[in-house]
PDB file of N, CA and C in Angstrom:
ATOM      1  N   UNK A   1      52.969 159.027 115.824  1.00  0.00           N
ATOM      2  CA  UNK A   1      53.964 158.408 115.904  1.00  0.00           C
ATOM      3  C   UNK A   1      54.891 159.115 114.980  1.00  0.00           C
ATOM      4  N   UNK A   2      56.154 159.400 115.646  1.00  0.00           N
ATOM      5  CA  UNK A   2      57.013 160.135 114.699  1.00  0.00           C
ATOM      6  C   UNK A   2      57.609 159.321 113.575  1.00  0.00           C
ATOM      7  N   UNK A   3      58.105 160.351 112.640  1.00  0.00           N
ATOM      8  CA  UNK A   3      58.803 159.454 111.484  1.00  0.00           C
ATOM      9  C   UNK A   3      59.781 158.477 111.755  1.00  0.00           C
ATOM     10  N   UNK A   4      60.756 158.615 112.654  1.00  0.00           N
ATOM     11  CA  UNK A   4      61.617 157.909 113.269  1.00  0.00           C
ATOM     12  C   UNK A   4      61.017 156.585 113.440  1.00  0.00           C
ATOM     13  N   UNK A   5      60.160 156.312 114.228  1.00  0.00           N
ATOM     14  CA  UNK A   5      59.677 155.321 115.093  1.00  0.00           C
ATOM     15  C   UNK A   5      58.781 154.723 113.836  1.00  0.00           C
ATOM     16  N   UNK A   6      58.416 155.179 112.717  1.00  0.00           N
ATOM     17  CA  UNK A   6      57.642 154.558 111.456  1.00  0.00           C
ATOM     18  C   UNK A   6      58.712 153.626 110.737  1.00  0.00           C
ATOM     19  N   UNK A   7      59.939 154.391 110.389  1.00  0.00           N
ATOM     20  CA  UNK A   7      61.018 153.811 110.228  1.00  0.00           C
ATOM     21  C   UNK A   7      61.379 152.901 110.437  1.00  0.00           C
ATOM     22  N   UNK A   8      61.377 152.738 111.906  1.00  0.00           N
ATOM     23  CA  UNK A   8      61.852 151.593 112.384  1.00  0.00           C
ATOM     24  C   UNK A   8      61.109 150.197 112.235  1.00  0.00           C
ATOM     25  N   UNK A   9      59.744 150.449 112.454  1.00  0.00           N
ATOM     26  CA  UNK A   9      58.604 149.462 112.388  1.00  0.00           C
ATOM     27  C   UNK A   9      58.466 149.496 110.757  1.00  0.00           C
ATOM     28  N   UNK A  10      58.685 149.870 109.870  1.00  0.00           N
ATOM     29  CA  UNK A  10      58.616 149.589 108.511  1.00  0.00           C
ATOM     30  C   UNK A  10      60.157 148.979 107.814  1.00  0.00           C
ATOM     31  N   UNK A  11      61.170 149.200 108.629  1.00  0.00           N
ATOM     32  CA  UNK A  11      62.447 148.416 108.307  1.00  0.00           C
ATOM     33  C   UNK A  11      63.235 149.287 106.944  1.00  0.00           C
ATOM     34  N   UNK A  12      63.292 150.744 107.412  1.00  0.00           N
ATOM     35  CA  UNK A  12      63.724 151.628 106.454  1.00  0.00           C
ATOM     36  C   UNK A  12      65.214 151.854 106.751  1.00  0.00           C
ATOM     37  N   UNK A  13      65.897 151.889 105.972  1.00  0.00           N
ATOM     38  CA  UNK A  13      67.502 152.353 106.044  1.00  0.00           C
ATOM     39  C   UNK A  13      67.871 153.234 107.149  1.00  0.00           C
ATOM     40  N   UNK A  14      67.182 154.676 106.840  1.00  0.00           N
ATOM     41  CA  UNK A  14      67.715 155.640 107.589  1.00  0.00           C
ATOM     42  C   UNK A  14      67.455 155.765 108.968  1.00  0.00           C
ATOM     43  N   UNK A  15      66.351 155.327 109.543  1.00  0.00           N
ATOM     44  CA  UNK A  15      66.302 155.041 111.052  1.00  0.00           C
ATOM     45  C   UNK A  15      67.180 154.009 111.425  1.00  0.00           C
ATOM     46  N   UNK A  16      66.818 153.080 111.020  1.00  0.00           N
ATOM     47  CA  UNK A  16      67.709 151.786 111.356  1.00  0.00           C
ATOM     48  C   UNK A  16      69.692 152.089 111.473  1.00  0.00           C
ATOM     49  N   UNK A  17      69.892 152.765 110.292  1.00  0.00           N
ATOM     50  CA  UNK A  17      71.085 153.362 110.145  1.00  0.00           C
ATOM     51  C   UNK A  17      71.730 154.376 111.402  1.00  0.00           C
ATOM     52  N   UNK A  18      70.617 155.282 111.601  1.00  0.00           N
ATOM     53  CA  UNK A  18      70.980 156.366 112.800  1.00  0.00           C
ATOM     54  C   UNK A  18      70.919 155.609 114.149  1.00  0.00           C
ATOM     55  N   UNK A  19      70.204 154.667 114.475  1.00  0.00           N
ATOM     56  CA  UNK A  19      70.271 154.006 115.405  1.00  0.00           C
ATOM     57  C   UNK A  19      71.502 153.114 115.837  1.00  0.00           C
ATOM     58  N   UNK A  20      72.068 152.324 114.526  1.00  0.00           N
ATOM     59  CA  UNK A  20      73.200 151.797 114.534  1.00  0.00           C
ATOM     60  C   UNK A  20      74.441 152.713 115.091  1.00  0.00           C
ATOM     61  N   UNK A  21      74.409 154.182 114.267  1.00  0.00           N
ATOM     62  CA  UNK A  21      75.500 154.737 114.444  1.00  0.00           C
ATOM     63  C   UNK A  21      75.439 155.187 115.747  1.00  0.00           C
ATOM     64  N   UNK A  22      74.244 155.646 116.505  1.00  0.00           N
ATOM     65  CA  UNK A  22      74.091 155.906 117.867  1.00  0.00           C
ATOM     66  C   UNK A  22      74.866 155.106 118.694  1.00  0.00           C
ATOM     67  N   UNK A  23      74.592 153.547 118.358  1.00  0.00           N
ATOM     68  CA  UNK A  23      75.141 152.498 119.275  1.00  0.00           C
ATOM     69  C   UNK A  23      76.650 152.439 118.967  1.00  0.00           C
ATOM     70  N   UNK A  24      77.194 152.907 117.786  1.00  0.00           N
ATOM     71  CA  UNK A  24      78.778 152.994 117.819  1.00  0.00           C
ATOM     72  C   UNK A  24      79.290 154.125 118.624  1.00  0.00           C
ATOM     73  N   UNK A  25      78.470 155.106 118.320  1.00  0.00           N
ATOM     74  CA  UNK A  25      79.176 156.348 119.047  1.00  0.00           C
ATOM     75  C   UNK A  25      79.123 156.218 120.581  1.00  0.00           C
ATOM     76  N   UNK A  26      77.875 155.431 121.048  1.00  0.00           N
ATOM     77  CA  UNK A  26      77.871 155.242 122.580  1.00  0.00           C
ATOM     78  C   UNK A  26      78.767 154.151 122.696  1.00  0.00           C
ATOM     79  N   UNK A  27      79.309 153.547 122.153  1.00  0.00           N
ATOM     80  CA  UNK A  27      80.287 152.201 122.787  1.00  0.00           C
ATOM     81  C   UNK A  27      81.877 152.772 122.555  1.00  0.00           C
ATOM     82  N   UNK A  28      82.251 153.754 121.447  1.00  0.00           N
ATOM     83  CA  UNK A  28      83.362 154.391 121.695  1.00  0.00           C
ATOM     84  C   UNK A  28      83.231 155.666 122.761  1.00  0.00           C
ATOM     85  N   UNK A  29      82.202 156.316 123.159  1.00  0.00           N
ATOM     86  CA  UNK A  29      82.494 156.869 124.483  1.00  0.00           C
ATOM     87  C   UNK A  29      82.399 156.069 125.520  1.00  0.00           C
ATOM     88  N   UNK A  30      81.866 154.814 125.729  1.00  0.00           N
ATOM     89  CA  UNK A  30      82.017 153.921 126.839  1.00  0.00           C
ATOM     90  C   UNK A  30      83.416 153.623 126.959  1.00  0.00           C
ATOM     91  N   UNK A  31      84.235 153.338 126.019  1.00  0.00           N
ATOM     92  CA  UNK A  31      85.401 153.029 125.750  1.00  0.00           C
ATOM     93  C   UNK A  31      86.440 154.178 126.172  1.00  0.00           C
ATOM     94  N   UNK A  32      86.191 155.177 125.927  1.00  0.00           N
ATOM     95  CA  UNK A  32      86.906 156.446 126.501  1.00  0.00           C
ATOM     96  C   UNK A  32      86.694 156.954 127.886  1.00  0.00           C
ATOM     97  N   UNK A  33      85.768 156.636 128.554  1.00  0.00           N
ATOM     98  CA  UNK A  33      85.514 157.322 129.693  1.00  0.00           C
ATOM     99  C   UNK A  33      86.311 156.810 130.725  1.00  0.00           C
ATOM    100  N   UNK A  34      86.662 157.584 131.641  1.00  0.00           N
ATOM    101  CA  UNK A  34      87.560 156.709 132.619  1.00  0.00           C
ATOM    102  C   UNK A  34      86.771 156.488 134.141  1.00  0.00           C
ATOM    103  N   UNK A  35      85.639 156.710 134.136  1.00  0.00           N
ATOM    104  CA  UNK A  35      85.010 156.883 135.578  1.00  0.00           C
ATOM    105  C   UNK A  35      84.247 155.572 135.982  1.00  0.00           C
ATOM    106  N   UNK A  36      83.566 154.952 134.805  1.00  0.00           N
ATOM    107  CA  UNK A  36      82.618 153.712 135.269  1.00  0.00           C
ATOM    108  C   UNK A  36      83.205 152.432 134.766  1.00  0.00           C
ATOM    109  N   UNK A  37      83.740 151.642 135.275  1.00  0.00           N
ATOM    110  CA  UNK A  37      84.307 150.207 134.860  1.00  0.00           C
ATOM    111  C   UNK A  37      83.523 149.288 133.867  1.00  0.00           C
ATOM    112  N   UNK A  38      82.056 149.390 134.602  1.00  0.00           N
ATOM    113  CA  UNK A  38      81.141 148.569 134.043  1.00  0.00           C
ATOM    114  C   UNK A  38      80.951 149.056 132.335  1.00  0.00           C
ATOM    115  N   UNK A  39      80.975 150.434 132.266  1.00  0.00           N
ATOM    116  CA  UNK A  39      80.630 151.047 130.834  1.00  0.00           C
ATOM    117  C   UNK A  39      81.800 150.573 130.245  1.00  0.00           C
ATOM    118  N   UNK A  40      83.056 150.751 130.570  1.00  0.00           N
ATOM    119  CA  UNK A  40      84.227 150.239 129.752  1.00  0.00           C
ATOM    120  C   UNK A  40      84.582 148.735 129.453  1.00  0.00           C
ATOM    121  N   UNK A  41      83.643 147.807 130.294  1.00  0.00           N
ATOM    122  CA  UNK A  41      83.857 146.305 129.918  1.00  0.00           C
ATOM    123  C   UNK A  41      82.670 146.000 129.074  1.00  0.00           C
ATOM    124  N   UNK A  42      81.728 146.710 129.107  1.00  0.00           N
ATOM    125  CA  UNK A  42      80.682 146.246 127.641  1.00  0.00           C
ATOM    126  C   UNK A  42      81.081 147.585 126.611  1.00  0.00           C
ATOM    127  N   UNK A  43      81.940 148.208 126.386  1.00  0.00           N
ATOM    128  CA  UNK A  43      81.774 148.956 125.441  1.00  0.00           C
ATOM    129  C   UNK A  43      82.360 148.358 124.162  1.00  0.00           C
ATOM    130  N   UNK A  44      83.152 147.462 123.928  1.00  0.00           N
ATOM    131  CA  UNK A  44      83.400 146.670 122.880  1.00  0.00           C
ATOM    132  C   UNK A  44      82.315 145.865 122.236  1.00  0.00           C
ATOM    133  N   UNK A  45      81.434 145.362 123.105  1.00  0.00           N
ATOM    134  CA  UNK A  45      80.308 144.558 122.761  1.00  0.00           C
ATOM    135  C   UNK A  45      79.371 145.651 122.271  1.00  0.00           C
ATOM    136  N   UNK A  46      78.971 146.610 122.870  1.00  0.00           N
ATOM    137  CA  UNK A  46      78.131 147.790 122.148  1.00  0.00           C
ATOM    138  C   UNK A  46      78.929 148.178 120.555  1.00  0.00           C
ATOM    139  N   UNK A  47      79.941 148.492 120.709  1.00  0.00           N
ATOM    140  CA  UNK A  47      80.636 148.946 119.512  1.00  0.00           C
ATOM    141  C   UNK A  47      80.400 147.677 118.270  1.00  0.00           C
ATOM    142  N   UNK A  48      80.845 146.607 118.866  1.00  0.00           N
ATOM    143  CA  UNK A  48      80.712 145.360 117.633  1.00  0.00           C
ATOM    144  C   UNK A  48      79.039 145.397 117.322  1.00  0.00           C
ATOM    145  N   UNK A  49      78.133 145.374 118.116  1.00  0.00           N
ATOM    146  CA  UNK A  49      76.609 145.244 117.771  1.00  0.00           C
ATOM    147  C   UNK A  49      76.372 146.285 116.734  1.00  0.00           C
ATOM    148  N   UNK A  50      76.712 147.631 117.168  1.00  0.00           N
ATOM    149  CA  UNK A  50      76.315 148.514 116.225  1.00  0.00           C
ATOM    150  C   UNK A  50      77.028 148.323 114.929  1.00  0.00           C
ATOM    151  N   UNK A  51      78.202 148.158 114.832  1.00  0.00           N
ATOM    152  CA  UNK A  51      78.776 147.894 113.722  1.00  0.00           C
ATOM    153  C   UNK A  51      78.161 146.488 112.951  1.00  0.00           C
ATOM    154  N   UNK A  52      78.005 145.532 113.617  1.00  0.00           N
ATOM    155  CA  UNK A  52      77.164 144.680 112.708  1.00  0.00           C
ATOM    156  C   UNK A  52      75.709 144.978 112.576  1.00  0.00           C
ATOM    157  N   UNK A  53      75.250 145.827 112.962  1.00  0.00           N
ATOM    158  CA  UNK A  53      73.666 146.118 112.796  1.00  0.00           C
ATOM    159  C   UNK A  53      73.782 147.233 111.647  1.00  0.00           C
ATOM    160  N   UNK A  54      74.912 148.012 111.740  1.00  0.00           N
ATOM    161  CA  UNK A  54      75.140 148.977 110.509  1.00  0.00           C
ATOM    162  C   UNK A  54      75.333 147.813 108.893  1.00  0.00           C
ATOM    163  N   UNK A  55      76.151 147.218 109.250  1.00  0.00           N
ATOM    164  CA  UNK A  55      76.360 146.228 108.107  1.00  0.00           C
ATOM    165  C   UNK A  55      75.095 145.704 107.516  1.00  0.00           C
ATOM    166  N   UNK A  56      74.241 145.144 108.242  1.00  0.00           N
ATOM    167  CA  UNK A  56      73.033 144.535 107.931  1.00  0.00           C
ATOM    168  C   UNK A  56      72.208 145.614 107.517  1.00  0.00           C
ATOM    169  N   UNK A  57      71.905 146.321 108.422  1.00  0.00           N
ATOM    170  CA  UNK A  57      70.801 147.531 107.848  1.00  0.00           C
ATOM    171  C   UNK A  57      71.182 148.133 106.593  1.00  0.00           C
ATOM    172  N   UNK A  58      72.431 148.238 106.141  1.00  0.00           N
ATOM    173  CA  UNK A  58      72.876 148.943 104.828  1.00  0.00           C
ATOM    174  C   UNK A  58      72.144 148.405 103.517  1.00  0.00           C
ATOM    175  N   UNK A  59      71.744 147.190 103.690  1.00  0.00           N
ATOM    176  CA  UNK A  59      71.014 146.294 102.849  1.00  0.00           C
ATOM    177  C   UNK A  59      69.327 146.234 102.813  1.00  0.00           C
ATOM    178  N   UNK A  60      69.059 147.251 103.613  1.00  0.00           N
ATOM    179  CA  UNK A  60      67.703 147.554 103.880  1.00  0.00           C
ATOM    180  C   UNK A  60      67.133 148.372 102.635  1.00  0.00           C
ATOM    181  N   UNK A  61      65.825 148.593 102.242  1.00  0.00           N
ATOM    182  CA  UNK A  61      65.516 149.533 101.446  1.00  0.00           C
ATOM    183  C   UNK A  61      65.224 150.779 101.698  1.00  0.00           C
ATOM    184  N   UNK A  62      65.520 151.877 100.947  1.00  0.00           N
ATOM    185  CA  UNK A  62      65.481 153.091 101.189  1.00  0.00           C
ATOM    186  C   UNK A  62      63.888 153.494 101.733  1.00  0.00           C
TER     187      UNK A  62
END
């Protein structure tokens, strides 16, 4: 198993912060794309989940 997945299973900050950052970036991308209305519809929720996840995960141990 890779180090990323071990970090997720052990609740380590770096792996979870990376996942939250990817969610935030995905939400922003979904917001800016003009092609798919479903992605635009759920973009705010994805960005919000990533932001809240980042705030919670920032309290995890290194």
